[in-house]
Each structure stands twice: as structure tokens, then as C-alpha cells.
Amino acid sequence: MLAPLLVLTVALASAETPPRACGAPVYRQLDFWIGTWAVSVGSTVVGEDIVEKTLDGCAILEHWTDARGRRGESLFYVEPAGGGEPAAALRWKQVWVTGTGQVKEKTLVERRPDGSVRFEGFAITAGDRRADRTTLTPLADGRVRQVIEQSADGGKTWTVGFDAVYERKDAD
């Protein structure tokens, strides 16, 4: 009599929905950037960006196309905690690659009270490696500002290379 009850208990337990592996709040920190965007520098549209969650919310894919048709793609993922690190230590990482061979790797280094996030790392273009940082700022009207800066002196001084506003093309 005990065996059928044990089988039923095991069957019910295996039918339960497993917890979402990427359900922690950290996986929602970039949700403000999810969408299809027209990207402008001043009044000039310079490209389109499609930013989407993938892999059951465990990663974000970015699909960039500039006004000339050149493309780049990013994979954002949360670096798994290790060695007993607290969940608060989880942080986003980014890998960016373009069709011209440019590569960037960055780590989330700052979350600001206004909701903006800053990633820092490096960019390699034609063998030239430079410090690179990106700041994404959600604006009150639903747009997002992205500022990309580079440093040729190891981060002592920074030069803005891209300062754009992302305006949503898709409906919420």
C-alpha cells in the first residue's frame, strides 16, 4: 500500500513547474531597453535597434542596423554567482560583435538612482584596443539615451563617440 502512494507522490512532484532559473530581479534590470527602436543623434535617424529577451529571460539579444545597413549584435547575460556570492553580486555582461570585426566586452559597473546603468570594458577595432564604456539611461517619456565613450589612456580621459536617443517604434 505504501508503494502506490510513493509513486503518486513522485509523479506529482515531477509534474510541478520547476522554478525559473532566471526569475531573480537582476534579470529585469534592463527591461526598460527591451523593444524596437528608431535611434537618432540630434534630428538625424542613424539606425534601428531591436532589443529582445531570449532563452527564457536569461539573456538579452541586441540587433543593431545603422542607416547604411551595417550590423552589430550583442548578447547580454548575467554572470552566474560563484563561491557563495550573494545574489546582489550578480551582474550583467555584454559581448558585442559587428560585421566589420569590431568586438567589445563589457561588465555592468554601476547602477544609478535614476535607473541608468553603466557598462565598462574594452573595444577592439582593427587591432586597436581601447577602454570603452556605455551608459543607458531610461528617460521619463519612455525613450532611452545611450552614450558610448572611449579612452585611449586607460580611462583617465573619455571621448564621447556616440550620444543617441532611442525612440520606441513598437507599441507597448
N, C-alpha and C. Protein backbone atom coordinates (compact mmCIF):
# COMPACT_ATOMS: atom_id res chain seq x y z
N MET A 1 0.82 -1.19 0.00
CA MET A 1 0.00 0.00 0.00
C MET A 1 0.86 1.26 0.00
N LEU A 2 1.99 1.22 0.63
CA LEU A 2 2.87 2.37 0.68
C LEU A 2 3.49 2.65 -0.69
N ALA A 3 3.80 1.63 -1.46
CA ALA A 3 4.44 1.82 -2.76
C ALA A 3 3.58 2.64 -3.72
N PRO A 4 2.26 2.38 -3.88
CA PRO A 4 1.46 3.21 -4.78
C PRO A 4 1.42 4.67 -4.33
N LEU A 5 1.37 4.91 -3.03
CA LEU A 5 1.36 6.27 -2.53
C LEU A 5 2.68 6.97 -2.86
N LEU A 6 3.79 6.27 -2.73
CA LEU A 6 5.10 6.82 -3.06
C LEU A 6 5.19 7.15 -4.54
N VAL A 7 4.67 6.26 -5.41
CA VAL A 7 4.68 6.50 -6.85
C VAL A 7 3.87 7.74 -7.18
N LEU A 8 2.67 7.88 -6.55
CA LEU A 8 1.82 9.04 -6.78
C LEU A 8 2.52 10.32 -6.32
N THR A 9 3.18 10.29 -5.18
CA THR A 9 3.89 11.47 -4.67
C THR A 9 5.01 11.87 -5.61
N VAL A 10 5.79 10.92 -6.10
CA VAL A 10 6.87 11.19 -7.03
C VAL A 10 6.31 11.74 -8.34
N ALA A 11 5.22 11.18 -8.84
CA ALA A 11 4.60 11.65 -10.08
C ALA A 11 4.11 13.08 -9.93
N LEU A 12 3.49 13.42 -8.82
CA LEU A 12 3.01 14.78 -8.59
C LEU A 12 4.17 15.76 -8.47
N ALA A 13 5.21 15.36 -7.78
CA ALA A 13 6.37 16.22 -7.61
C ALA A 13 7.04 16.52 -8.95
N SER A 14 7.12 15.53 -9.83
CA SER A 14 7.77 15.74 -11.11
C SER A 14 6.88 16.55 -12.06
N ALA A 15 5.58 16.62 -11.80
CA ALA A 15 4.67 17.39 -12.64
C ALA A 15 4.65 18.86 -12.27
N GLU A 16 5.22 19.22 -11.11
CA GLU A 16 5.25 20.62 -10.70
C GLU A 16 6.14 21.42 -11.66
N THR A 17 5.78 22.66 -11.84
CA THR A 17 6.60 23.54 -12.68
C THR A 17 7.88 23.87 -11.93
N PRO A 18 9.03 23.66 -12.57
CA PRO A 18 10.28 23.99 -11.89
C PRO A 18 10.42 25.50 -11.76
N PRO A 19 11.13 25.97 -10.76
CA PRO A 19 11.31 27.41 -10.61
C PRO A 19 12.10 27.97 -11.80
N ARG A 20 11.79 29.21 -12.19
CA ARG A 20 12.50 29.84 -13.30
C ARG A 20 13.94 30.07 -12.89
N ALA A 21 14.85 29.60 -13.69
CA ALA A 21 16.27 29.75 -13.39
C ALA A 21 16.68 31.22 -13.39
N CYS A 22 15.98 32.04 -14.16
CA CYS A 22 16.36 33.44 -14.31
C CYS A 22 15.24 34.36 -13.87
N GLY A 23 14.61 34.02 -12.76
CA GLY A 23 13.49 34.80 -12.26
C GLY A 23 13.86 35.86 -11.24
N ALA A 24 15.12 35.94 -10.84
CA ALA A 24 15.53 36.93 -9.85
C ALA A 24 15.41 38.35 -10.41
N PRO A 25 15.23 39.34 -9.55
CA PRO A 25 15.07 40.73 -10.00
C PRO A 25 16.19 41.23 -10.91
N VAL A 26 17.41 40.72 -10.73
CA VAL A 26 18.53 41.18 -11.56
C VAL A 26 18.24 40.99 -13.05
N TYR A 27 17.46 39.98 -13.39
CA TYR A 27 17.16 39.70 -14.80
C TYR A 27 16.17 40.69 -15.41
N ARG A 28 15.62 41.59 -14.59
CA ARG A 28 14.70 42.61 -15.09
C ARG A 28 15.33 44.00 -15.13
N GLN A 29 16.59 44.11 -14.76
CA GLN A 29 17.25 45.42 -14.68
C GLN A 29 17.35 46.14 -16.03
N LEU A 30 17.36 45.42 -17.11
CA LEU A 30 17.47 46.04 -18.43
C LEU A 30 16.15 46.03 -19.20
N ASP A 31 15.06 45.71 -18.52
CA ASP A 31 13.75 45.63 -19.20
C ASP A 31 13.36 46.94 -19.88
N PHE A 32 13.81 48.07 -19.36
CA PHE A 32 13.46 49.36 -19.96
C PHE A 32 14.00 49.48 -21.38
N TRP A 33 14.96 48.65 -21.74
CA TRP A 33 15.61 48.73 -23.04
C TRP A 33 15.03 47.74 -24.05
N ILE A 34 14.15 46.87 -23.60
CA ILE A 34 13.55 45.88 -24.49
C ILE A 34 12.60 46.59 -25.44
N GLY A 35 12.72 46.30 -26.74
CA GLY A 35 11.82 46.90 -27.73
C GLY A 35 12.47 47.06 -29.08
N THR A 36 11.72 47.67 -29.98
CA THR A 36 12.22 48.02 -31.32
C THR A 36 12.31 49.53 -31.36
N TRP A 37 13.49 50.04 -31.70
CA TRP A 37 13.81 51.44 -31.54
C TRP A 37 14.29 52.10 -32.83
N ALA A 38 13.86 53.34 -33.06
CA ALA A 38 14.48 54.23 -34.04
C ALA A 38 15.52 55.01 -33.24
N VAL A 39 16.74 55.06 -33.74
CA VAL A 39 17.84 55.67 -32.99
C VAL A 39 18.29 56.94 -33.70
N SER A 40 18.33 58.04 -32.96
CA SER A 40 18.67 59.34 -33.54
C SER A 40 19.79 60.02 -32.78
N VAL A 41 20.64 60.69 -33.54
CA VAL A 41 21.62 61.61 -32.98
C VAL A 41 21.15 62.98 -33.42
N GLY A 42 20.73 63.78 -32.47
CA GLY A 42 20.09 65.05 -32.82
C GLY A 42 18.80 64.74 -33.57
N SER A 43 18.61 65.35 -34.72
CA SER A 43 17.40 65.10 -35.51
C SER A 43 17.62 64.08 -36.62
N THR A 44 18.79 63.46 -36.67
CA THR A 44 19.12 62.50 -37.72
C THR A 44 18.95 61.06 -37.23
N VAL A 45 18.13 60.31 -37.93
CA VAL A 45 17.99 58.88 -37.61
C VAL A 45 19.24 58.17 -38.10
N VAL A 46 19.93 57.49 -37.19
CA VAL A 46 21.19 56.84 -37.53
C VAL A 46 21.09 55.32 -37.56
N GLY A 47 19.92 54.78 -37.18
CA GLY A 47 19.79 53.33 -37.22
C GLY A 47 18.54 52.84 -36.51
N GLU A 48 18.46 51.51 -36.47
CA GLU A 48 17.37 50.82 -35.79
C GLU A 48 17.99 49.78 -34.87
N ASP A 49 17.39 49.62 -33.71
CA ASP A 49 17.89 48.64 -32.75
C ASP A 49 16.71 47.81 -32.26
N ILE A 50 16.88 46.51 -32.30
CA ILE A 50 15.88 45.59 -31.76
C ILE A 50 16.53 44.90 -30.58
N VAL A 51 15.92 45.07 -29.41
CA VAL A 51 16.46 44.52 -28.18
C VAL A 51 15.39 43.60 -27.60
N GLU A 52 15.76 42.31 -27.42
CA GLU A 52 14.76 41.32 -27.01
C GLU A 52 15.31 40.36 -25.97
N LYS A 53 14.41 39.90 -25.10
CA LYS A 53 14.78 38.85 -24.16
C LYS A 53 14.81 37.53 -24.93
N THR A 54 15.68 36.63 -24.48
CA THR A 54 15.79 35.32 -25.10
C THR A 54 16.15 34.30 -24.03
N LEU A 55 16.11 33.05 -24.40
CA LEU A 55 16.50 31.95 -23.51
C LEU A 55 15.75 32.02 -22.18
N ASP A 56 14.43 32.09 -22.28
CA ASP A 56 13.55 32.12 -21.10
C ASP A 56 13.88 33.26 -20.14
N GLY A 57 14.30 34.40 -20.70
CA GLY A 57 14.60 35.57 -19.87
C GLY A 57 15.98 35.58 -19.27
N CYS A 58 16.82 34.61 -19.63
CA CYS A 58 18.16 34.53 -19.06
C CYS A 58 19.18 35.40 -19.80
N ALA A 59 18.81 35.92 -20.97
CA ALA A 59 19.73 36.74 -21.76
C ALA A 59 18.94 37.76 -22.56
N ILE A 60 19.66 38.74 -23.07
CA ILE A 60 19.09 39.75 -23.95
C ILE A 60 19.93 39.79 -25.21
N LEU A 61 19.24 39.82 -26.36
CA LEU A 61 19.91 39.96 -27.64
C LEU A 61 19.63 41.35 -28.19
N GLU A 62 20.65 41.97 -28.72
CA GLU A 62 20.52 43.28 -29.37
C GLU A 62 20.90 43.10 -30.83
N HIS A 63 20.05 43.61 -31.72
CA HIS A 63 20.28 43.54 -33.17
C HIS A 63 20.30 44.96 -33.71
N TRP A 64 21.49 45.49 -33.98
CA TRP A 64 21.68 46.87 -34.44
C TRP A 64 21.88 46.88 -35.96
N THR A 65 21.22 47.83 -36.62
CA THR A 65 21.46 48.09 -38.04
C THR A 65 21.56 49.60 -38.20
N ASP A 66 22.70 50.08 -38.72
CA ASP A 66 22.82 51.53 -38.89
C ASP A 66 22.18 51.97 -40.20
N ALA A 67 22.16 53.26 -40.45
CA ALA A 67 21.49 53.82 -41.62
C ALA A 67 22.10 53.34 -42.93
N ARG A 68 23.33 52.86 -42.91
CA ARG A 68 23.99 52.34 -44.12
C ARG A 68 23.81 50.83 -44.28
N GLY A 69 23.13 50.21 -43.31
CA GLY A 69 22.89 48.77 -43.38
C GLY A 69 23.94 47.92 -42.68
N ARG A 70 24.93 48.55 -42.03
CA ARG A 70 25.94 47.79 -41.28
C ARG A 70 25.31 47.29 -39.99
N ARG A 71 25.71 46.08 -39.60
CA ARG A 71 25.06 45.43 -38.47
C ARG A 71 26.04 45.12 -37.34
N GLY A 72 25.47 45.01 -36.16
CA GLY A 72 26.19 44.56 -34.98
C GLY A 72 25.20 43.85 -34.07
N GLU A 73 25.70 42.94 -33.28
CA GLU A 73 24.83 42.21 -32.35
C GLU A 73 25.51 42.06 -31.00
N SER A 74 24.68 42.13 -29.97
CA SER A 74 25.16 41.96 -28.60
C SER A 74 24.41 40.82 -27.94
N LEU A 75 25.10 40.16 -27.06
CA LEU A 75 24.49 39.22 -26.13
C LEU A 75 24.78 39.76 -24.74
N PHE A 76 23.72 40.02 -23.98
CA PHE A 76 23.84 40.41 -22.59
C PHE A 76 23.41 39.22 -21.75
N TYR A 77 24.17 38.93 -20.72
CA TYR A 77 23.83 37.82 -19.83
C TYR A 77 24.27 38.16 -18.42
N VAL A 78 23.66 37.50 -17.46
CA VAL A 78 24.02 37.71 -16.07
C VAL A 78 25.09 36.69 -15.70
N GLU A 79 26.22 37.18 -15.24
CA GLU A 79 27.31 36.31 -14.82
C GLU A 79 26.86 35.53 -13.59
N PRO A 80 26.89 34.21 -13.66
CA PRO A 80 26.43 33.42 -12.52
C PRO A 80 27.29 33.68 -11.28
N ALA A 81 26.63 33.68 -10.13
CA ALA A 81 27.36 33.83 -8.86
C ALA A 81 28.17 32.56 -8.63
N GLY A 82 29.25 32.71 -7.96
CA GLY A 82 30.08 31.56 -7.65
C GLY A 82 30.67 31.68 -6.28
N GLY A 83 31.04 30.58 -5.73
CA GLY A 83 31.73 30.57 -4.44
C GLY A 83 30.96 31.20 -3.30
N GLY A 84 29.65 31.02 -3.30
CA GLY A 84 28.85 31.55 -2.21
C GLY A 84 28.55 33.03 -2.30
N GLU A 85 28.78 33.64 -3.49
CA GLU A 85 28.45 35.06 -3.66
C GLU A 85 26.96 35.28 -3.43
N PRO A 86 26.59 36.41 -2.83
CA PRO A 86 25.16 36.72 -2.67
C PRO A 86 24.54 37.08 -4.01
N ALA A 87 23.23 36.94 -4.10
CA ALA A 87 22.52 37.26 -5.34
C ALA A 87 22.76 38.71 -5.75
N ALA A 88 22.99 39.60 -4.79
CA ALA A 88 23.24 41.01 -5.11
C ALA A 88 24.53 41.18 -5.91
N ALA A 89 25.41 40.18 -5.87
CA ALA A 89 26.67 40.27 -6.60
C ALA A 89 26.50 39.93 -8.09
N LEU A 90 25.34 39.41 -8.47
CA LEU A 90 25.12 39.07 -9.87
C LEU A 90 25.19 40.34 -10.71
N ARG A 91 25.85 40.25 -11.85
CA ARG A 91 25.96 41.44 -12.70
C ARG A 91 25.91 41.04 -14.17
N TRP A 92 25.43 42.00 -14.95
CA TRP A 92 25.31 41.80 -16.39
C TRP A 92 26.67 41.91 -17.07
N LYS A 93 26.83 41.14 -18.14
CA LYS A 93 28.00 41.19 -19.02
C LYS A 93 27.47 41.40 -20.44
N GLN A 94 28.30 41.97 -21.30
CA GLN A 94 27.92 42.19 -22.70
C GLN A 94 29.07 41.76 -23.59
N VAL A 95 28.71 41.10 -24.70
CA VAL A 95 29.65 40.81 -25.77
C VAL A 95 29.02 41.37 -27.05
N TRP A 96 29.75 42.23 -27.75
CA TRP A 96 29.27 42.92 -28.95
C TRP A 96 30.19 42.57 -30.11
N VAL A 97 29.62 42.24 -31.26
CA VAL A 97 30.41 41.92 -32.46
C VAL A 97 29.72 42.56 -33.65
N THR A 98 30.52 43.12 -34.57
CA THR A 98 29.96 43.70 -35.79
C THR A 98 30.42 42.92 -37.01
N GLY A 99 29.78 43.20 -38.13
CA GLY A 99 30.16 42.59 -39.39
C GLY A 99 31.49 43.10 -39.92
N THR A 100 32.05 44.13 -39.29
CA THR A 100 33.37 44.63 -39.69
C THR A 100 34.47 44.11 -38.77
N GLY A 101 34.08 43.24 -37.83
CA GLY A 101 35.07 42.62 -36.95
C GLY A 101 35.32 43.36 -35.64
N GLN A 102 34.60 44.44 -35.38
CA GLN A 102 34.75 45.13 -34.10
C GLN A 102 34.19 44.23 -33.00
N VAL A 103 34.89 44.18 -31.88
CA VAL A 103 34.47 43.38 -30.73
C VAL A 103 34.53 44.25 -29.49
N LYS A 104 33.52 44.11 -28.64
CA LYS A 104 33.51 44.78 -27.34
C LYS A 104 33.10 43.76 -26.29
N GLU A 105 33.71 43.87 -25.13
CA GLU A 105 33.29 43.09 -23.97
C GLU A 105 33.22 44.03 -22.80
N LYS A 106 32.07 44.03 -22.12
CA LYS A 106 31.86 44.97 -21.02
C LYS A 106 31.13 44.28 -19.87
N THR A 107 31.26 44.90 -18.70
CA THR A 107 30.60 44.43 -17.48
C THR A 107 29.84 45.60 -16.87
N LEU A 108 28.67 45.32 -16.34
CA LEU A 108 27.91 46.35 -15.63
C LEU A 108 28.70 46.75 -14.39
N VAL A 109 29.02 48.03 -14.29
CA VAL A 109 29.83 48.51 -13.16
C VAL A 109 29.09 49.48 -12.27
N GLU A 110 27.94 50.00 -12.74
CA GLU A 110 27.24 50.99 -11.94
C GLU A 110 25.76 51.00 -12.28
N ARG A 111 24.95 51.07 -11.22
CA ARG A 111 23.50 51.29 -11.34
C ARG A 111 23.20 52.58 -10.60
N ARG A 112 22.59 53.53 -11.29
CA ARG A 112 22.35 54.84 -10.68
C ARG A 112 20.91 54.95 -10.20
N PRO A 113 20.66 55.88 -9.26
CA PRO A 113 19.30 56.07 -8.74
C PRO A 113 18.27 56.43 -9.82
N ASP A 114 18.71 57.07 -10.92
CA ASP A 114 17.78 57.44 -11.98
C ASP A 114 17.42 56.27 -12.89
N GLY A 115 17.94 55.07 -12.58
CA GLY A 115 17.64 53.88 -13.38
C GLY A 115 18.67 53.59 -14.45
N SER A 116 19.61 54.51 -14.66
CA SER A 116 20.61 54.27 -15.69
C SER A 116 21.63 53.23 -15.23
N VAL A 117 22.25 52.61 -16.21
CA VAL A 117 23.27 51.60 -15.94
C VAL A 117 24.50 51.93 -16.78
N ARG A 118 25.66 51.61 -16.24
CA ARG A 118 26.91 51.85 -16.97
C ARG A 118 27.68 50.54 -17.09
N PHE A 119 28.09 50.25 -18.31
CA PHE A 119 28.93 49.10 -18.61
C PHE A 119 30.32 49.62 -18.97
N GLU A 120 31.36 48.93 -18.50
CA GLU A 120 32.73 49.28 -18.88
C GLU A 120 33.49 48.03 -19.28
N GLY A 121 34.42 48.23 -20.20
CA GLY A 121 35.26 47.13 -20.66
C GLY A 121 36.21 47.63 -21.72
N PHE A 122 36.25 46.91 -22.83
CA PHE A 122 37.17 47.29 -23.90
C PHE A 122 36.52 47.07 -25.25
N ALA A 123 37.07 47.78 -26.24
CA ALA A 123 36.67 47.62 -27.64
C ALA A 123 37.93 47.35 -28.44
N ILE A 124 37.83 46.44 -29.40
CA ILE A 124 38.94 46.17 -30.31
C ILE A 124 38.45 46.40 -31.73
N THR A 125 39.11 47.32 -32.41
CA THR A 125 38.79 47.62 -33.81
C THR A 125 40.10 47.63 -34.58
N ALA A 126 40.18 46.79 -35.59
CA ALA A 126 41.39 46.71 -36.43
C ALA A 126 42.66 46.63 -35.59
N GLY A 127 42.63 45.82 -34.53
CA GLY A 127 43.80 45.59 -33.70
C GLY A 127 44.04 46.64 -32.63
N ASP A 128 43.28 47.74 -32.64
CA ASP A 128 43.41 48.80 -31.66
C ASP A 128 42.48 48.50 -30.48
N ARG A 129 43.05 48.33 -29.30
CA ARG A 129 42.26 48.03 -28.10
C ARG A 129 42.16 49.28 -27.25
N ARG A 130 40.92 49.65 -26.89
CA ARG A 130 40.68 50.85 -26.08
C ARG A 130 39.67 50.54 -24.98
N ALA A 131 39.79 51.31 -23.89
CA ALA A 131 38.77 51.25 -22.85
C ALA A 131 37.47 51.79 -23.45
N ASP A 132 36.36 51.17 -23.09
CA ASP A 132 35.07 51.51 -23.69
C ASP A 132 34.01 51.45 -22.61
N ARG A 133 33.10 52.41 -22.61
CA ARG A 133 32.00 52.36 -21.65
C ARG A 133 30.72 52.86 -22.31
N THR A 134 29.62 52.30 -21.84
CA THR A 134 28.30 52.64 -22.34
C THR A 134 27.40 52.94 -21.15
N THR A 135 26.65 54.03 -21.26
CA THR A 135 25.65 54.37 -20.25
C THR A 135 24.29 54.38 -20.92
N LEU A 136 23.36 53.59 -20.39
CA LEU A 136 21.98 53.54 -20.85
C LEU A 136 21.12 54.22 -19.79
N THR A 137 20.35 55.23 -20.22
CA THR A 137 19.51 55.98 -19.29
C THR A 137 18.07 55.97 -19.75
N PRO A 138 17.16 55.38 -18.96
CA PRO A 138 15.74 55.45 -19.31
C PRO A 138 15.24 56.88 -19.05
N LEU A 139 14.58 57.47 -20.04
CA LEU A 139 14.05 58.82 -19.91
C LEU A 139 12.59 58.76 -19.48
N ALA A 140 12.11 59.81 -18.87
CA ALA A 140 10.75 59.85 -18.31
C ALA A 140 9.67 59.59 -19.36
N ASP A 141 9.93 59.95 -20.62
CA ASP A 141 8.91 59.79 -21.67
C ASP A 141 8.96 58.42 -22.35
N GLY A 142 9.75 57.48 -21.82
CA GLY A 142 9.82 56.13 -22.39
C GLY A 142 10.96 55.94 -23.38
N ARG A 143 11.63 57.02 -23.75
CA ARG A 143 12.79 56.88 -24.62
C ARG A 143 14.00 56.47 -23.78
N VAL A 144 15.09 56.11 -24.45
CA VAL A 144 16.33 55.72 -23.77
C VAL A 144 17.48 56.48 -24.41
N ARG A 145 18.36 57.01 -23.60
CA ARG A 145 19.57 57.66 -24.11
C ARG A 145 20.74 56.71 -23.93
N GLN A 146 21.53 56.58 -24.98
CA GLN A 146 22.74 55.76 -24.90
C GLN A 146 23.94 56.62 -25.24
N VAL A 147 24.92 56.62 -24.33
CA VAL A 147 26.16 57.34 -24.55
C VAL A 147 27.29 56.32 -24.52
N ILE A 148 28.08 56.29 -25.60
CA ILE A 148 29.24 55.39 -25.67
C ILE A 148 30.49 56.26 -25.71
N GLU A 149 31.43 55.95 -24.82
CA GLU A 149 32.67 56.71 -24.72
C GLU A 149 33.86 55.75 -24.81
N GLN A 150 34.98 56.30 -25.30
CA GLN A 150 36.21 55.51 -25.33
C GLN A 150 37.36 56.32 -24.74
N SER A 151 38.35 55.59 -24.27
CA SER A 151 39.53 56.19 -23.67
C SER A 151 40.78 55.54 -24.27
N ALA A 152 41.69 56.37 -24.72
CA ALA A 152 42.96 55.87 -25.26
C ALA A 152 44.06 55.88 -24.20
N ASP A 153 43.74 56.40 -22.99
CA ASP A 153 44.76 56.49 -21.96
C ASP A 153 44.39 55.70 -20.71
N GLY A 154 43.71 54.57 -20.91
CA GLY A 154 43.39 53.69 -19.80
C GLY A 154 42.31 54.20 -18.87
N GLY A 155 41.47 55.11 -19.34
CA GLY A 155 40.36 55.58 -18.54
C GLY A 155 40.60 56.88 -17.81
N LYS A 156 41.73 57.54 -18.06
CA LYS A 156 41.98 58.85 -17.44
C LYS A 156 41.08 59.91 -18.05
N THR A 157 40.95 59.88 -19.37
CA THR A 157 40.05 60.80 -20.07
C THR A 157 39.18 60.00 -21.03
N TRP A 158 37.97 60.51 -21.26
CA TRP A 158 37.00 59.82 -22.10
C TRP A 158 36.52 60.75 -23.21
N THR A 159 36.28 60.17 -24.40
CA THR A 159 35.75 60.90 -25.53
C THR A 159 34.44 60.27 -25.94
N VAL A 160 33.40 61.09 -26.06
CA VAL A 160 32.09 60.60 -26.48
C VAL A 160 32.15 60.31 -27.98
N GLY A 161 31.81 59.08 -28.35
CA GLY A 161 31.78 58.69 -29.76
C GLY A 161 30.37 58.51 -30.28
N PHE A 162 29.41 58.36 -29.35
CA PHE A 162 28.03 58.11 -29.75
C PHE A 162 27.14 58.61 -28.62
N ASP A 163 26.22 59.49 -28.94
CA ASP A 163 25.27 60.02 -27.96
C ASP A 163 23.93 60.08 -28.67
N ALA A 164 23.10 59.09 -28.41
CA ALA A 164 21.87 58.93 -29.19
C ALA A 164 20.67 58.73 -28.29
N VAL A 165 19.51 59.02 -28.87
CA VAL A 165 18.23 58.77 -28.20
C VAL A 165 17.48 57.70 -28.95
N TYR A 166 16.98 56.74 -28.21
CA TYR A 166 16.22 55.62 -28.75
C TYR A 166 14.75 55.90 -28.53
N GLU A 167 13.99 55.95 -29.64
CA GLU A 167 12.55 56.18 -29.56
C GLU A 167 11.83 54.92 -29.99
N ARG A 168 10.92 54.50 -29.17
CA ARG A 168 10.22 53.23 -29.38
C ARG A 168 9.43 53.23 -30.69
N LYS A 169 9.62 52.19 -31.49
CA LYS A 169 8.84 52.00 -32.74
C LYS A 169 7.67 51.05 -32.52
N ASP A 170 7.78 50.20 -31.50
CA ASP A 170 6.73 49.20 -31.24
C ASP A 170 5.78 49.71 -30.17
N ALA A 171 4.59 49.19 -30.19
CA ALA A 171 3.59 49.60 -29.19
C ALA A 171 3.75 48.76 -27.93
N ASP A 172 3.57 49.36 -26.80
CA ASP A 172 3.63 48.60 -25.53
C ASP A 172 2.33 47.89 -25.28
